[in-house]
PDB file of N, CA and C in Angstrom:
ATOM      1  N   MET A   1     137.188 151.728 -29.725  1.00  0.00           N
ATOM      2  CA  MET A   1     138.382 150.954 -29.432  1.00  0.00           C
ATOM      3  C   MET A   1     137.966 149.661 -28.726  1.00  0.00           C
ATOM      4  N   PRO A   2     138.393 148.510 -29.203  1.00  0.00           N
ATOM      5  CA  PRO A   2     138.014 147.262 -28.526  1.00  0.00           C
ATOM      6  C   PRO A   2     138.747 147.093 -27.198  1.00  0.00           C
ATOM      7  N   LYS A   3     138.150 146.288 -26.360  1.00  0.00           N
ATOM      8  CA  LYS A   3     138.771 146.001 -25.073  1.00  0.00           C
ATOM      9  C   LYS A   3     140.002 145.128 -25.275  1.00  0.00           C
ATOM     10  N   MET A   4     140.986 145.315 -24.402  1.00  0.00           N
ATOM     11  CA  MET A   4     142.162 144.444 -24.423  1.00  0.00           C
ATOM     12  C   MET A   4     141.810 143.151 -23.708  1.00  0.00           C
ATOM     13  N   LYS A   5     142.416 142.063 -24.131  1.00  0.00           N
ATOM     14  CA  LYS A   5     142.114 140.777 -23.516  1.00  0.00           C
ATOM     15  C   LYS A   5     143.180 140.409 -22.487  1.00  0.00           C
ATOM     16  N   THR A   6     142.708 139.846 -21.375  1.00  0.00           N
ATOM     17  CA  THR A   6     143.602 139.312 -20.357  1.00  0.00           C
ATOM     18  C   THR A   6     143.988 137.901 -20.763  1.00  0.00           C
ATOM     19  N   LYS A   7     145.260 137.562 -20.605  1.00  0.00           N
ATOM     20  CA  LYS A   7     145.734 136.221 -20.931  1.00  0.00           C
ATOM     21  C   LYS A   7     145.067 135.222 -19.990  1.00  0.00           C
ATOM     22  N   SER A   8     144.410 134.205 -20.544  1.00  0.00           N
ATOM     23  CA  SER A   8     143.652 133.250 -19.728  1.00  0.00           C
ATOM     24  C   SER A   8     144.529 132.518 -18.723  1.00  0.00           C
ATOM     25  N   SER A   9     145.758 132.207 -19.122  1.00  0.00           N
ATOM     26  CA  SER A   9     146.654 131.498 -18.209  1.00  0.00           C
ATOM     27  C   SER A   9     146.999 132.367 -17.001  1.00  0.00           C
ATOM     28  N   CYS A  10     147.103 133.668 -17.194  1.00  0.00           N
ATOM     29  CA  CYS A  10     147.441 134.567 -16.086  1.00  0.00           C
ATOM     30  C   CYS A  10     146.288 134.750 -15.119  1.00  0.00           C
ATOM     31  N   LYS A  11     145.063 134.832 -15.655  1.00  0.00           N
ATOM     32  CA  LYS A  11     143.941 135.037 -14.733  1.00  0.00           C
ATOM     33  C   LYS A  11     143.700 133.823 -13.863  1.00  0.00           C
ATOM     34  N   LYS A  12     144.131 132.643 -14.322  1.00  0.00           N
ATOM     35  CA  LYS A  12     143.984 131.434 -13.528  1.00  0.00           C
ATOM     36  C   LYS A  12     145.073 131.307 -12.462  1.00  0.00           C
ATOM     37  N   ARG A  13     146.237 131.869 -12.706  1.00  0.00           N
ATOM     38  CA  ARG A  13     147.397 131.608 -11.855  1.00  0.00           C
ATOM     39  C   ARG A  13     147.806 132.748 -10.940  1.00  0.00           C
ATOM     40  N   PHE A  14     147.457 133.976 -11.265  1.00  0.00           N
ATOM     41  CA  PHE A  14     147.982 135.126 -10.535  1.00  0.00           C
ATOM     42  C   PHE A  14     146.880 136.028 -10.025  1.00  0.00           C
ATOM     43  N   LYS A  15     147.171 136.691  -8.898  1.00  0.00           N
ATOM     44  CA  LYS A  15     146.305 137.742  -8.354  1.00  0.00           C
ATOM     45  C   LYS A  15     147.191 138.956  -8.101  1.00  0.00           C
ATOM     46  N   VAL A  16     146.579 140.143  -8.091  1.00  0.00           N
ATOM     47  CA  VAL A  16     147.322 141.362  -7.825  1.00  0.00           C
ATOM     48  C   VAL A  16     146.978 141.839  -6.423  1.00  0.00           C
ATOM     49  N   THR A  17     147.990 142.145  -5.633  1.00  0.00           N
ATOM     50  CA  THR A  17     147.771 142.613  -4.269  1.00  0.00           C
ATOM     51  C   THR A  17     147.376 144.083  -4.283  1.00  0.00           C
ATOM     52  N   ALA A  18     147.005 144.616  -3.126  1.00  0.00           N
ATOM     53  CA  ALA A  18     146.591 146.012  -3.019  1.00  0.00           C
ATOM     54  C   ALA A  18     147.735 146.964  -3.346  1.00  0.00           C
ATOM     55  N   THR A  19     148.963 146.539  -3.112  1.00  0.00           N
ATOM     56  CA  THR A  19     150.114 147.391  -3.414  1.00  0.00           C
ATOM     57  C   THR A  19     150.605 147.226  -4.844  1.00  0.00           C
ATOM     58  N   GLY A  20     149.957 146.347  -5.606  1.00  0.00           N
ATOM     59  CA  GLY A  20     150.325 146.192  -7.011  1.00  0.00           C
ATOM     60  C   GLY A  20     151.295 145.061  -7.303  1.00  0.00           C
ATOM     61  N   ARG A  21     151.676 144.309  -6.286  1.00  0.00           N
ATOM     62  CA  ARG A  21     152.563 143.170  -6.516  1.00  0.00           C
ATOM     63  C   ARG A  21     151.743 142.002  -7.053  1.00  0.00           C
ATOM     64  N   ILE A  22     152.422 141.020  -7.656  1.00  0.00           N
ATOM     65  CA  ILE A  22     151.755 139.841  -8.202  1.00  0.00           C
ATOM     66  C   ILE A  22     151.928 138.681  -7.229  1.00  0.00           C
ATOM     67  N   LYS A  23     150.806 138.047  -6.886  1.00  0.00           N
ATOM     68  CA  LYS A  23     150.804 136.931  -5.946  1.00  0.00           C
ATOM     69  C   LYS A  23     150.577 135.640  -6.720  1.00  0.00           C
ATOM     70  N   ALA A  24     151.354 134.602  -6.407  1.00  0.00           N
ATOM     71  CA  ALA A  24     151.244 133.325  -7.116  1.00  0.00           C
ATOM     72  C   ALA A  24     151.441 132.178  -6.142  1.00  0.00           C
ATOM     73  N   GLY A  25     150.990 131.002  -6.537  1.00  0.00           N
ATOM     74  CA  GLY A  25     151.186 129.814  -5.727  1.00  0.00           C
ATOM     75  C   GLY A  25     152.630 129.380  -5.740  1.00  0.00           C
ATOM     76  N   GLN A  26     153.032 128.684  -4.705  1.00  0.00           N
ATOM     77  CA  GLN A  26     154.403 128.214  -4.607  1.00  0.00           C
ATOM     78  C   GLN A  26     154.680 127.120  -5.627  1.00  0.00           C
ATOM     79  N   ALA A  27     155.866 127.124  -6.173  1.00  0.00           N
ATOM     80  CA  ALA A  27     156.255 126.109  -7.158  1.00  0.00           C
ATOM     81  C   ALA A  27     156.853 124.892  -6.471  1.00  0.00           C
ATOM     82  N   GLY A  28     156.821 123.766  -7.156  1.00  0.00           N
ATOM     83  CA  GLY A  28     157.528 122.575  -6.690  1.00  0.00           C
ATOM     84  C   GLY A  28     156.753 121.682  -5.744  1.00  0.00           C
ATOM     85  N   LYS A  29     155.413 121.775  -5.735  1.00  0.00           N
ATOM     86  CA  LYS A  29     154.645 120.970  -4.788  1.00  0.00           C
ATOM     87  C   LYS A  29     153.622 120.063  -5.445  1.00  0.00           C
ATOM     88  N   ARG A  30     153.732 119.795  -6.724  1.00  0.00           N
ATOM     89  CA  ARG A  30     152.742 118.985  -7.423  1.00  0.00           C
ATOM     90  C   ARG A  30     152.946 117.489  -7.215  1.00  0.00           C
ATOM     91  N   HIS A  31     154.178 117.061  -7.264  1.00  0.00           N
ATOM     92  CA  HIS A  31     154.447 115.621  -7.120  1.00  0.00           C
ATOM     93  C   HIS A  31     155.880 115.466  -6.614  1.00  0.00           C
ATOM     94  N   GLY A  32     156.250 114.230  -6.263  1.00  0.00           N
ATOM     95  CA  GLY A  32     157.616 113.979  -5.789  1.00  0.00           C
ATOM     96  C   GLY A  32     157.879 114.477  -4.385  1.00  0.00           C
ATOM     97  N   MET A  33     156.844 114.510  -3.535  1.00  0.00           N
ATOM     98  CA  MET A  33     157.024 115.024  -2.177  1.00  0.00           C
ATOM     99  C   MET A  33     157.909 114.125  -1.326  1.00  0.00           C
ATOM    100  N   ILE A  34     158.011 112.857  -1.707  1.00  0.00           N
ATOM    101  CA  ILE A  34     158.797 111.920  -0.891  1.00  0.00           C
ATOM    102  C   ILE A  34     160.279 112.268  -0.900  1.00  0.00           C
ATOM    103  N   LYS A  35     160.720 112.909  -1.967  1.00  0.00           N
ATOM    104  CA  LYS A  35     162.135 113.283  -2.037  1.00  0.00           C
ATOM    105  C   LYS A  35     162.406 114.702  -1.548  1.00  0.00           C
ATOM    106  N   ARG A  36     161.362 115.419  -1.136  1.00  0.00           N
ATOM    107  CA  ARG A  36     161.543 116.774  -0.620  1.00  0.00           C
ATOM    108  C   ARG A  36     161.777 116.727   0.891  1.00  0.00           C
ATOM    109  N   HIS A  37     162.544 117.692   1.375  1.00  0.00           N
ATOM    110  CA  HIS A  37     162.752 117.797   2.818  1.00  0.00           C
ATOM    111  C   HIS A  37     161.497 118.373   3.468  1.00  0.00           C
ATOM    112  N   LYS A  38     161.276 118.033   4.716  1.00  0.00           N
ATOM    113  CA  LYS A  38     160.119 118.545   5.455  1.00  0.00           C
ATOM    114  C   LYS A  38     160.145 120.070   5.509  1.00  0.00           C
ATOM    115  N   LYS A  39     161.335 120.631   5.638  1.00  0.00           N
ATOM    116  CA  LYS A  39     161.468 122.089   5.698  1.00  0.00           C
ATOM    117  C   LYS A  39     161.006 122.730   4.391  1.00  0.00           C
ATOM    118  N   PHE A  40     161.334 122.123   3.274  1.00  0.00           N
ATOM    119  CA  PHE A  40     160.888 122.646   1.976  1.00  0.00           C
ATOM    120  C   PHE A  40     159.366 122.644   1.885  1.00  0.00           C
ATOM    121  N   ILE A  41     158.746 121.550   2.301  1.00  0.00           N
ATOM    122  CA  ILE A  41     157.294 121.419   2.215  1.00  0.00           C
ATOM    123  C   ILE A  41     156.616 122.467   3.107  1.00  0.00           C
ATOM    124  N   ARG A  42     157.157 122.697   4.298  1.00  0.00           N
ATOM    125  CA  ARG A  42     156.613 123.729   5.191  1.00  0.00           C
ATOM    126  C   ARG A  42     156.757 125.120   4.579  1.00  0.00           C
ATOM    127  N   ASP A  43     157.942 125.404   4.069  1.00  0.00           N
ATOM    128  CA  ASP A  43     158.219 126.738   3.536  1.00  0.00           C
ATOM    129  C   ASP A  43     157.442 127.027   2.252  1.00  0.00           C
ATOM    130  N   ALA A  44     157.037 125.988   1.546  1.00  0.00           N
ATOM    131  CA  ALA A  44     156.346 126.172   0.270  1.00  0.00           C
ATOM    132  C   ALA A  44     154.831 126.191   0.404  1.00  0.00           C
ATOM    133  N   ARG A  45     154.307 126.339   1.619  1.00  0.00           N
ATOM    134  CA  ARG A  45     152.858 126.445   1.804  1.00  0.00           C
ATOM    135  C   ARG A  45     152.360 127.801   1.312  1.00  0.00           C
ATOM    136  N   GLY A  46     151.101 127.828   0.955  1.00  0.00           N
ATOM    137  CA  GLY A  46     150.459 129.099   0.658  1.00  0.00           C
ATOM    138  C   GLY A  46     150.919 129.726  -0.647  1.00  0.00           C
ATOM    139  N   THR A  47     151.056 131.048  -0.641  1.00  0.00           N
ATOM    140  CA  THR A  47     151.407 131.801  -1.837  1.00  0.00           C
ATOM    141  C   THR A  47     152.669 132.611  -1.598  1.00  0.00           C
ATOM    142  N   THR A  48     153.187 133.165  -2.682  1.00  0.00           N
ATOM    143  CA  THR A  48     154.370 134.009  -2.608  1.00  0.00           C
ATOM    144  C   THR A  48     154.201 135.163  -3.582  1.00  0.00           C
ATOM    145  N   THR A  49     154.984 136.225  -3.414  1.00  0.00           N
ATOM    146  CA  THR A  49     154.953 137.327  -4.377  1.00  0.00           C
ATOM    147  C   THR A  49     156.099 137.146  -5.357  1.00  0.00           C
ATOM    148  N   LEU A  50     155.839 137.500  -6.596  1.00  0.00           N
ATOM    149  CA  LEU A  50     156.855 137.338  -7.631  1.00  0.00           C
ATOM    150  C   LEU A  50     157.924 138.416  -7.511  1.00  0.00           C
ATOM    151  N   SER A  51     159.078 138.137  -8.084  1.00  0.00           N
ATOM    152  CA  SER A  51     160.152 139.120  -8.104  1.00  0.00           C
ATOM    153  C   SER A  51     159.797 140.236  -9.091  1.00  0.00           C
ATOM    154  N   LYS A  52     160.508 141.347  -9.016  1.00  0.00           N
ATOM    155  CA  LYS A  52     160.246 142.488  -9.892  1.00  0.00           C
ATOM    156  C   LYS A  52     160.425 142.104 -11.357  1.00  0.00           C
ATOM    157  N   ALA A  53     161.439 141.282 -11.654  1.00  0.00           N
ATOM    158  CA  ALA A  53     161.688 140.881 -13.037  1.00  0.00           C
ATOM    159  C   ALA A  53     160.552 140.027 -13.579  1.00  0.00           C
ATOM    160  N   ASP A  54     160.022 139.131 -12.746  1.00  0.00           N
ATOM    161  CA  ASP A  54     158.901 138.299 -13.180  1.00  0.00           C
ATOM    162  C   ASP A  54     157.612 139.116 -13.319  1.00  0.00           C
ATOM    163  N   GLU A  55     157.454 140.121 -12.465  1.00  0.00           N
ATOM    164  CA  GLU A  55     156.275 140.980 -12.557  1.00  0.00           C
ATOM    165  C   GLU A  55     156.225 141.723 -13.882  1.00  0.00           C
ATOM    166  N   GLN A  56     157.386 142.142 -14.384  1.00  0.00           N
ATOM    167  CA  GLN A  56     157.427 142.866 -15.651  1.00  0.00           C
ATOM    168  C   GLN A  56     156.966 141.997 -16.817  1.00  0.00           C
ATOM    169  N   ILE A  57     157.080 140.682 -16.680  1.00  0.00           N
ATOM    170  CA  ILE A  57     156.622 139.765 -17.720  1.00  0.00           C
ATOM    171  C   ILE A  57     155.115 139.563 -17.619  1.00  0.00           C
ATOM    172  N   ILE A  58     154.598 139.456 -16.399  1.00  0.00           N
ATOM    173  CA  ILE A  58     153.198 139.099 -16.181  1.00  0.00           C
ATOM    174  C   ILE A  58     152.258 140.304 -16.328  1.00  0.00           C
ATOM    175  N   LYS A  59     152.647 141.467 -15.855  1.00  0.00           N
ATOM    176  CA  LYS A  59     151.746 142.622 -15.822  1.00  0.00           C
ATOM    177  C   LYS A  59     151.187 143.017 -17.191  1.00  0.00           C
ATOM    178  N   PRO A  60     151.960 143.004 -18.282  1.00  0.00           N
ATOM    179  CA  PRO A  60     151.357 143.339 -19.575  1.00  0.00           C
ATOM    180  C   PRO A  60     150.276 142.358 -20.036  1.00  0.00           C
ATOM    181  N   MET A  61     150.309 141.142 -19.507  1.00  0.00           N
ATOM    182  CA  MET A  61     149.313 140.136 -19.882  1.00  0.00           C
ATOM    183  C   MET A  61     148.004 140.314 -19.112  1.00  0.00           C
ATOM    184  N   MET A  62     148.011 141.186 -18.099  1.00  0.00           N
ATOM    185  CA  MET A  62     146.829 141.445 -17.272  1.00  0.00           C
ATOM    186  C   MET A  62     146.539 142.947 -17.311  1.00  0.00           C
ATOM    187  N   PRO A  63     145.993 143.472 -18.410  1.00  0.00           N
ATOM    188  CA  PRO A  63     145.879 144.924 -18.564  1.00  0.00           C
ATOM    189  C   PRO A  63     144.934 145.606 -17.578  1.00  0.00           C
ATOM    190  N   TYR A  64     143.926 144.886 -17.070  1.00  0.00           N
ATOM    191  CA  TYR A  64     142.957 145.523 -16.185  1.00  0.00           C
ATOM    192  C   TYR A  64     143.197 145.222 -14.715  1.00  0.00           C
ATOM    193  N   ALA A  65     144.260 144.523 -14.397  1.00  0.00           N
ATOM    194  CA  ALA A  65     144.609 144.270 -12.993  1.00  0.00           C
ATOM    195  C   ALA A  65     145.279 145.521 -12.448  1.00  0.00           C
ATOM    196  N   ARG A  66     144.864 145.942 -11.283  1.00  0.00           N
ATOM    197  CA  ARG A  66     145.410 147.196 -10.722  1.00  0.00           C
ATOM    198  C   ARG A  66     146.514 146.931  -9.768  1.00  0.00           C
TER     199      ARG A  66
END
């Protein structure tokens, strides 16, 4: 049986936490910071965990992520 392939876009963008949740970078911080509020920029630092509905889309694309 051949190995299943992980989607290249997913391996670049997502990590799986120890509890099995999907961790991703915050959205909305690439450009246009001048029109964003300071509070938005502070709150969008670091990473976030995806919602359950989004996880159901991403997990099948990462078959070997635990």
